[in-house]
Amino acid sequence: MLRAVADLDLRRVITFHSRVAGAREFADTLTTAAALLKDADRPERLTALAVAGTDRLKDRRAAFAPPARTANSPASSATAGS
């Protein structure tokens, strides 16, 4: 999955897991897994979050919110599907 993110220059990917514990473990270990890849196969930026229905609504909304823009990021009016 990490290679596909890098190869296709994806900005956002959602994965689904059968168990919340598995989703949390995936999110917790993804950056470690990325560090094992060659630089060319690794995404430039990586944030991994696990979201479950038992999480507070505020936390779930924050996880799905568009990333904050920085001074160097291009302006965009599109927020869905990014």
PDB file of N, CA and C in Angstrom:
ATOM      1  N   MET A   1       0.817  -1.166   0.000  1.00  0.00           N
ATOM      2  CA  MET A   1       0.000   0.000   0.000  1.00  0.00           C
ATOM      3  C   MET A   1       0.876   1.251   0.000  1.00  0.00           C
ATOM      4  N   LEU A   2       1.942   1.252   0.778  1.00  0.00           N
ATOM      5  CA  LEU A   2       2.819   2.422   0.837  1.00  0.00           C
ATOM      6  C   LEU A   2       3.470   2.711  -0.514  1.00  0.00           C
ATOM      7  N   ARG A   3       3.862   1.675  -1.230  1.00  0.00           N
ATOM      8  CA  ARG A   3       4.453   1.885  -2.557  1.00  0.00           C
ATOM      9  C   ARG A   3       3.432   2.480  -3.514  1.00  0.00           C
ATOM     10  N   ALA A   4       2.197   2.022  -3.448  1.00  0.00           N
ATOM     11  CA  ALA A   4       1.142   2.566  -4.310  1.00  0.00           C
ATOM     12  C   ALA A   4       0.900   4.037  -3.989  1.00  0.00           C
ATOM     13  N   VAL A   5       0.913   4.388  -2.720  1.00  0.00           N
ATOM     14  CA  VAL A   5       0.743   5.789  -2.320  1.00  0.00           C
ATOM     15  C   VAL A   5       1.843   6.641  -2.950  1.00  0.00           C
ATOM     16  N   ALA A   6       3.071   6.168  -2.866  1.00  0.00           N
ATOM     17  CA  ALA A   6       4.194   6.919  -3.435  1.00  0.00           C
ATOM     18  C   ALA A   6       4.133   6.938  -4.956  1.00  0.00           C
ATOM     19  N   ASP A   7       3.896   5.784  -5.563  1.00  0.00           N
ATOM     20  CA  ASP A   7       3.876   5.698  -7.032  1.00  0.00           C
ATOM     21  C   ASP A   7       2.768   6.538  -7.655  1.00  0.00           C
ATOM     22  N   LEU A   8       1.617   6.542  -7.018  1.00  0.00           N
ATOM     23  CA  LEU A   8       0.457   7.235  -7.579  1.00  0.00           C
ATOM     24  C   LEU A   8       0.273   8.640  -7.009  1.00  0.00           C
ATOM     25  N   ASP A   9       1.199   9.062  -6.149  1.00  0.00           N
ATOM     26  CA  ASP A   9       1.155  10.386  -5.530  1.00  0.00           C
ATOM     27  C   ASP A   9      -0.193  10.650  -4.861  1.00  0.00           C
ATOM     28  N   LEU A  10      -0.664   9.646  -4.127  1.00  0.00           N
ATOM     29  CA  LEU A  10      -1.954   9.771  -3.449  1.00  0.00           C
ATOM     30  C   LEU A  10      -1.813  10.668  -2.227  1.00  0.00           C
ATOM     31  N   ARG A  11      -2.846  11.444  -1.968  1.00  0.00           N
ATOM     32  CA  ARG A  11      -2.818  12.334  -0.814  1.00  0.00           C
ATOM     33  C   ARG A  11      -3.603  11.773   0.360  1.00  0.00           C
ATOM     34  N   ARG A  12      -4.569  10.910   0.091  1.00  0.00           N
ATOM     35  CA  ARG A  12      -5.375  10.361   1.173  1.00  0.00           C
ATOM     36  C   ARG A  12      -5.812   8.950   0.808  1.00  0.00           C
ATOM     37  N   VAL A  13      -5.657   8.039   1.750  1.00  0.00           N
ATOM     38  CA  VAL A  13      -6.050   6.649   1.551  1.00  0.00           C
ATOM     39  C   VAL A  13      -6.809   6.211   2.793  1.00  0.00           C
ATOM     40  N   ILE A  14      -7.900   5.498   2.592  1.00  0.00           N
ATOM     41  CA  ILE A  14      -8.657   4.951   3.710  1.00  0.00           C
ATOM     42  C   ILE A  14      -8.618   3.435   3.604  1.00  0.00           C
ATOM     43  N   THR A  15      -8.236   2.780   4.684  1.00  0.00           N
ATOM     44  CA  THR A  15      -8.259   1.324   4.724  1.00  0.00           C
ATOM     45  C   THR A  15      -9.318   0.893   5.730  1.00  0.00           C
ATOM     46  N   PHE A  16      -9.884  -0.267   5.505  1.00  0.00           N
ATOM     47  CA  PHE A  16     -10.902  -0.799   6.403  1.00  0.00           C
ATOM     48  C   PHE A  16     -10.391  -2.104   7.003  1.00  0.00           C
ATOM     49  N   HIS A  17     -10.674  -2.301   8.280  1.00  0.00           N
ATOM     50  CA  HIS A  17     -10.201  -3.472   9.007  1.00  0.00           C
ATOM     51  C   HIS A  17     -11.387  -4.128   9.698  1.00  0.00           C
ATOM     52  N   SER A  18     -11.316  -5.422   9.873  1.00  0.00           N
ATOM     53  CA  SER A  18     -12.427  -6.144  10.484  1.00  0.00           C
ATOM     54  C   SER A  18     -12.503  -5.920  11.995  1.00  0.00           C
ATOM     55  N   ARG A  19     -11.424  -5.494  12.600  1.00  0.00           N
ATOM     56  CA  ARG A  19     -11.394  -5.267  14.040  1.00  0.00           C
ATOM     57  C   ARG A  19     -10.732  -3.916  14.341  1.00  0.00           C
ATOM     58  N   VAL A  20     -11.251  -3.229  15.346  1.00  0.00           N
ATOM     59  CA  VAL A  20     -10.691  -1.937  15.744  1.00  0.00           C
ATOM     60  C   VAL A  20      -9.239  -2.104  16.190  1.00  0.00           C
ATOM     61  N   ALA A  21      -8.958  -3.162  16.925  1.00  0.00           N
ATOM     62  CA  ALA A  21      -7.584  -3.389  17.394  1.00  0.00           C
ATOM     63  C   ALA A  21      -6.620  -3.516  16.213  1.00  0.00           C
ATOM     64  N   GLY A  22      -7.044  -4.190  15.158  1.00  0.00           N
ATOM     65  CA  GLY A  22      -6.208  -4.322  13.969  1.00  0.00           C
ATOM     66  C   GLY A  22      -5.989  -2.982  13.276  1.00  0.00           C
ATOM     67  N   ALA A  23      -7.022  -2.171  13.228  1.00  0.00           N
ATOM     68  CA  ALA A  23      -6.898  -0.842  12.617  1.00  0.00           C
ATOM     69  C   ALA A  23      -5.934   0.031  13.419  1.00  0.00           C
ATOM     70  N   ARG A  24      -6.043  -0.043  14.728  1.00  0.00           N
ATOM     71  CA  ARG A  24      -5.143   0.760  15.574  1.00  0.00           C
ATOM     72  C   ARG A  24      -3.692   0.277  15.453  1.00  0.00           C
ATOM     73  N   GLU A  25      -3.500  -1.024  15.383  1.00  0.00           N
ATOM     74  CA  GLU A  25      -2.148  -1.556  15.216  1.00  0.00           C
ATOM     75  C   GLU A  25      -1.577  -1.141  13.859  1.00  0.00           C
ATOM     76  N   PHE A  26      -2.384  -1.199  12.816  1.00  0.00           N
ATOM     77  CA  PHE A  26      -1.966  -0.770  11.483  1.00  0.00           C
ATOM     78  C   PHE A  26      -1.520   0.687  11.521  1.00  0.00           C
ATOM     79  N   ALA A  27      -2.339   1.546  12.112  1.00  0.00           N
ATOM     80  CA  ALA A  27      -2.005   2.974  12.188  1.00  0.00           C
ATOM     81  C   ALA A  27      -0.742   3.211  13.017  1.00  0.00           C
ATOM     82  N   ASP A  28      -0.610   2.477  14.111  1.00  0.00           N
ATOM     83  CA  ASP A  28       0.544   2.655  14.997  1.00  0.00           C
ATOM     84  C   ASP A  28       1.859   2.188  14.384  1.00  0.00           C
ATOM     85  N   THR A  29       1.800   1.232  13.458  1.00  0.00           N
ATOM     86  CA  THR A  29       3.041   0.662  12.910  1.00  0.00           C
ATOM     87  C   THR A  29       3.333   1.091  11.472  1.00  0.00           C
ATOM     88  N   LEU A  30       2.458   1.865  10.866  1.00  0.00           N
ATOM     89  CA  LEU A  30       2.648   2.220   9.456  1.00  0.00           C
ATOM     90  C   LEU A  30       3.909   3.048   9.221  1.00  0.00           C
ATOM     91  N   THR A  31       4.199   3.994  10.094  1.00  0.00           N
ATOM     92  CA  THR A  31       5.410   4.798   9.895  1.00  0.00           C
ATOM     93  C   THR A  31       6.670   3.955  10.051  1.00  0.00           C
ATOM     94  N   THR A  32       6.631   2.970  10.936  1.00  0.00           N
ATOM     95  CA  THR A  32       7.771   2.063  11.091  1.00  0.00           C
ATOM     96  C   THR A  32       7.955   1.229   9.825  1.00  0.00           C
ATOM     97  N   ALA A  33       6.854   0.751   9.273  1.00  0.00           N
ATOM     98  CA  ALA A  33       6.919  -0.018   8.027  1.00  0.00           C
ATOM     99  C   ALA A  33       7.443   0.858   6.892  1.00  0.00           C
ATOM    100  N   ALA A  34       7.016   2.098   6.840  1.00  0.00           N
ATOM    101  CA  ALA A  34       7.474   3.010   5.781  1.00  0.00           C
ATOM    102  C   ALA A  34       8.978   3.241   5.868  1.00  0.00           C
ATOM    103  N   ALA A  35       9.503   3.293   7.061  1.00  0.00           N
ATOM    104  CA  ALA A  35      10.944   3.517   7.240  1.00  0.00           C
ATOM    105  C   ALA A  35      11.777   2.373   6.671  1.00  0.00           C
ATOM    106  N   LEU A  36      11.178   1.200   6.504  1.00  0.00           N
ATOM    107  CA  LEU A  36      11.900   0.049   5.958  1.00  0.00           C
ATOM    108  C   LEU A  36      12.019   0.104   4.430  1.00  0.00           C
ATOM    109  N   LEU A  37      11.218   0.963   3.801  1.00  0.00           N
ATOM    110  CA  LEU A  37      11.238   1.067   2.339  1.00  0.00           C
ATOM    111  C   LEU A  37      12.355   1.975   1.858  1.00  0.00           C
ATOM    112  N   LYS A  38      12.761   1.769   0.617  1.00  0.00           N
ATOM    113  CA  LYS A  38      13.709   2.684  -0.013  1.00  0.00           C
ATOM    114  C   LYS A  38      13.031   4.046  -0.160  1.00  0.00           C
ATOM    115  N   ASP A  39      13.824   5.102  -0.185  1.00  0.00           N
ATOM    116  CA  ASP A  39      13.264   6.452  -0.287  1.00  0.00           C
ATOM    117  C   ASP A  39      12.309   6.600  -1.466  1.00  0.00           C
ATOM    118  N   ALA A  40      12.635   6.002  -2.595  1.00  0.00           N
ATOM    119  CA  ALA A  40      11.802   6.127  -3.794  1.00  0.00           C
ATOM    120  C   ALA A  40      10.444   5.449  -3.631  1.00  0.00           C
ATOM    121  N   ASP A  41      10.361   4.473  -2.752  1.00  0.00           N
ATOM    122  CA  ASP A  41       9.114   3.730  -2.540  1.00  0.00           C
ATOM    123  C   ASP A  41       8.295   4.271  -1.369  1.00  0.00           C
ATOM    124  N   ARG A  42       8.805   5.279  -0.697  1.00  0.00           N
ATOM    125  CA  ARG A  42       8.182   5.801   0.516  1.00  0.00           C
ATOM    126  C   ARG A  42       7.446   7.113   0.220  1.00  0.00           C
ATOM    127  N   PRO A  43       6.235   7.264   0.729  1.00  0.00           N
ATOM    128  CA  PRO A  43       5.529   8.545   0.565  1.00  0.00           C
ATOM    129  C   PRO A  43       6.305   9.671   1.242  1.00  0.00           C
ATOM    130  N   GLU A  44       6.194  10.878   0.681  1.00  0.00           N
ATOM    131  CA  GLU A  44       6.896  12.028   1.263  1.00  0.00           C
ATOM    132  C   GLU A  44       6.354  12.373   2.643  1.00  0.00           C
ATOM    133  N   ARG A  45       5.035  12.372   2.777  1.00  0.00           N
ATOM    134  CA  ARG A  45       4.388  12.665   4.060  1.00  0.00           C
ATOM    135  C   ARG A  45       3.489  11.496   4.418  1.00  0.00           C
ATOM    136  N   LEU A  46       3.431  11.195   5.696  1.00  0.00           N
ATOM    137  CA  LEU A  46       2.615  10.062   6.113  1.00  0.00           C
ATOM    138  C   LEU A  46       2.027  10.333   7.498  1.00  0.00           C
ATOM    139  N   THR A  47       0.725  10.244   7.566  1.00  0.00           N
ATOM    140  CA  THR A  47       0.008  10.317   8.834  1.00  0.00           C
ATOM    141  C   THR A  47      -0.951   9.138   8.853  1.00  0.00           C
ATOM    142  N   ALA A  48      -0.975   8.413   9.926  1.00  0.00           N
ATOM    143  CA  ALA A  48      -1.870   7.259  10.029  1.00  0.00           C
ATOM    144  C   ALA A  48      -2.724   7.405  11.280  1.00  0.00           C
ATOM    145  N   LEU A  49      -4.022   7.293  11.103  1.00  0.00           N
ATOM    146  CA  LEU A  49      -4.969   7.402  12.206  1.00  0.00           C
ATOM    147  C   LEU A  49      -5.952   6.249  12.152  1.00  0.00           C
ATOM    148  N   ALA A  50      -6.389   5.795  13.294  1.00  0.00           N
ATOM    149  CA  ALA A  50      -7.446   4.786  13.364  1.00  0.00           C
ATOM    150  C   ALA A  50      -8.690   5.472  13.907  1.00  0.00           C
ATOM    151  N   VAL A  51      -9.825   5.179  13.283  1.00  0.00           N
ATOM    152  CA  VAL A  51     -11.090   5.781  13.686  1.00  0.00           C
ATOM    153  C   VAL A  51     -12.096   4.662  13.907  1.00  0.00           C
ATOM    154  N   ALA A  52     -12.817   4.737  15.019  1.00  0.00           N
ATOM    155  CA  ALA A  52     -13.842   3.735  15.331  1.00  0.00           C
ATOM    156  C   ALA A  52     -15.104   4.445  15.803  1.00  0.00           C
ATOM    157  N   GLY A  53     -16.212   3.775  15.661  1.00  0.00           N
ATOM    158  CA  GLY A  53     -17.489   4.344  16.070  1.00  0.00           C
ATOM    159  C   GLY A  53     -17.560   4.670  17.551  1.00  0.00           C
ATOM    160  N   THR A  54     -16.696   4.049  18.336  1.00  0.00           N
ATOM    161  CA  THR A  54     -16.673   4.319  19.773  1.00  0.00           C
ATOM    162  C   THR A  54     -15.854   5.554  20.128  1.00  0.00           C
ATOM    163  N   ASP A  55     -15.127   6.115  19.155  1.00  0.00           N
ATOM    164  CA  ASP A  55     -14.352   7.336  19.388  1.00  0.00           C
ATOM    165  C   ASP A  55     -15.306   8.525  19.510  1.00  0.00           C
ATOM    166  N   ARG A  56     -14.858   9.553  20.187  1.00  0.00           N
ATOM    167  CA  ARG A  56     -15.675  10.762  20.308  1.00  0.00           C
ATOM    168  C   ARG A  56     -15.894  11.359  18.919  1.00  0.00           C
ATOM    169  N   LEU A  57     -17.064  11.907  18.701  1.00  0.00           N
ATOM    170  CA  LEU A  57     -17.405  12.499  17.409  1.00  0.00           C
ATOM    171  C   LEU A  57     -16.384  13.555  17.008  1.00  0.00           C
ATOM    172  N   LYS A  58     -15.965  14.342  17.952  1.00  0.00           N
ATOM    173  CA  LYS A  58     -14.963  15.386  17.692  1.00  0.00           C
ATOM    174  C   LYS A  58     -13.677  14.772  17.115  1.00  0.00           C
ATOM    175  N   ASP A  59     -13.245  13.658  17.668  1.00  0.00           N
ATOM    176  CA  ASP A  59     -12.023  13.001  17.205  1.00  0.00           C
ATOM    177  C   ASP A  59     -12.211  12.379  15.822  1.00  0.00           C
ATOM    178  N   ARG A  60     -13.385  11.804  15.577  1.00  0.00           N
ATOM    179  CA  ARG A  60     -13.664  11.227  14.259  1.00  0.00           C
ATOM    180  C   ARG A  60     -13.686  12.311  13.195  1.00  0.00           C
ATOM    181  N   ARG A  61     -14.326  13.426  13.491  1.00  0.00           N
ATOM    182  CA  ARG A  61     -14.373  14.535  12.527  1.00  0.00           C
ATOM    183  C   ARG A  61     -12.976  15.078  12.244  1.00  0.00           C
ATOM    184  N   ALA A  62     -12.175  15.198  13.277  1.00  0.00           N
ATOM    185  CA  ALA A  62     -10.811  15.705  13.099  1.00  0.00           C
ATOM    186  C   ALA A  62      -9.989  14.780  12.213  1.00  0.00           C
ATOM    187  N   ALA A  63     -10.192  13.469  12.350  1.00  0.00           N
ATOM    188  CA  ALA A  63      -9.440  12.510  11.544  1.00  0.00           C
ATOM    189  C   ALA A  63      -9.775  12.627  10.063  1.00  0.00           C
ATOM    190  N   PHE A  64     -11.028  12.971   9.752  1.00  0.00           N
ATOM    191  CA  PHE A  64     -11.448  13.060   8.359  1.00  0.00           C
ATOM    192  C   PHE A  64     -11.406  14.479   7.803  1.00  0.00           C
ATOM    193  N   ALA A  65     -11.013  15.444   8.605  1.00  0.00           N
ATOM    194  CA  ALA A  65     -10.930  16.825   8.146  1.00  0.00           C
ATOM    195  C   ALA A  65      -9.804  16.960   7.125  1.00  0.00           C
ATOM    196  N   PRO A  66      -9.965  17.883   6.188  1.00  0.00           N
ATOM    197  CA  PRO A  66      -8.864  18.108   5.234  1.00  0.00           C
ATOM    198  C   PRO A  66      -7.611  18.543   5.988  1.00  0.00           C
ATOM    199  N   PRO A  67      -6.444  18.150   5.485  1.00  0.00           N
ATOM    200  CA  PRO A  67      -5.205  18.556   6.159  1.00  0.00           C
ATOM    201  C   PRO A  67      -5.077  20.076   6.141  1.00  0.00           C
ATOM    202  N   ALA A  68      -4.459  20.612   7.157  1.00  0.00           N
ATOM    203  CA  ALA A  68      -4.250  22.060   7.230  1.00  0.00           C
ATOM    204  C   ALA A  68      -3.321  22.499   6.110  1.00  0.00           C
ATOM    205  N   ARG A  69      -3.667  23.603   5.497  1.00  0.00           N
ATOM    206  CA  ARG A  69      -2.812  24.139   4.425  1.00  0.00           C
ATOM    207  C   ARG A  69      -1.606  24.828   5.027  1.00  0.00           C
ATOM    208  N   THR A  70      -0.495  24.725   4.342  1.00  0.00           N
ATOM    209  CA  THR A  70       0.714  25.429   4.751  1.00  0.00           C
ATOM    210  C   THR A  70       1.003  26.505   3.725  1.00  0.00           C
ATOM    211  N   ALA A  71       1.968  27.344   4.005  1.00  0.00           N
ATOM    212  CA  ALA A  71       2.313  28.439   3.090  1.00  0.00           C
ATOM    213  C   ALA A  71       2.759  27.909   1.731  1.00  0.00           C
ATOM    214  N   ASN A  72       3.312  26.696   1.678  1.00  0.00           N
ATOM    215  CA  ASN A  72       3.814  26.143   0.425  1.00  0.00           C
ATOM    216  C   ASN A  72       2.812  25.261  -0.309  1.00  0.00           C
ATOM    217  N   SER A  73       1.640  25.012   0.286  1.00  0.00           N
ATOM    218  CA  SER A  73       0.678  24.116  -0.368  1.00  0.00           C
ATOM    219  C   SER A  73      -0.195  24.899  -1.327  1.00  0.00           C
ATOM    220  N   PRO A  74      -0.573  24.273  -2.458  1.00  0.00           N
ATOM    221  CA  PRO A  74      -1.411  24.980  -3.427  1.00  0.00           C
ATOM    222  C   PRO A  74      -2.819  25.185  -2.880  1.00  0.00           C
ATOM    223  N   ALA A  75      -3.432  26.276  -3.288  1.00  0.00           N
ATOM    224  CA  ALA A  75      -4.807  26.550  -2.879  1.00  0.00           C
ATOM    225  C   ALA A  75      -5.742  25.638  -3.637  1.00  0.00           C
ATOM    226  N   SER A  76      -6.785  25.186  -2.963  1.00  0.00           N
ATOM    227  CA  SER A  76      -7.741  24.298  -3.602  1.00  0.00           C
ATOM    228  C   SER A  76      -9.083  24.482  -2.940  1.00  0.00           C
ATOM    229  N   SER A  77     -10.132  24.471  -3.750  1.00  0.00           N
ATOM    230  CA  SER A  77     -11.468  24.572  -3.190  1.00  0.00           C
ATOM    231  C   SER A  77     -12.070  23.195  -2.975  1.00  0.00           C
ATOM    232  N   ALA A  78     -11.420  22.158  -3.473  1.00  0.00           N
ATOM    233  CA  ALA A  78     -11.940  20.792  -3.336  1.00  0.00           C
ATOM    234  C   ALA A  78     -11.494  20.219  -1.999  1.00  0.00           C
ATOM    235  N   THR A  79     -12.447  19.649  -1.258  1.00  0.00           N
ATOM    236  CA  THR A  79     -12.092  19.010   0.001  1.00  0.00           C
ATOM    237  C   THR A  79     -12.453  17.542  -0.006  1.00  0.00           C
ATOM    238  N   ALA A  80     -13.434  17.146  -0.794  1.00  0.00           N
ATOM    239  CA  ALA A  80     -13.845  15.746  -0.816  1.00  0.00           C
ATOM    240  C   ALA A  80     -13.004  14.974  -1.822  1.00  0.00           C
ATOM    241  N   GLY A  81     -12.682  13.752  -1.471  1.00  0.00           N
ATOM    242  CA  GLY A  81     -11.961  12.879  -2.389  1.00  0.00           C
ATOM    243  C   GLY A  81     -10.503  13.167  -2.509  1.00  0.00           C
ATOM    244  N   SER A  82      -9.967  13.987  -1.641  1.00  0.00           N
ATOM    245  CA  SER A  82      -8.542  14.306  -1.708  1.00  0.00           C
ATOM    246  C   SER A  82      -7.729  13.262  -1.031  1.00  0.00           C
TER     247      SER A  82
END
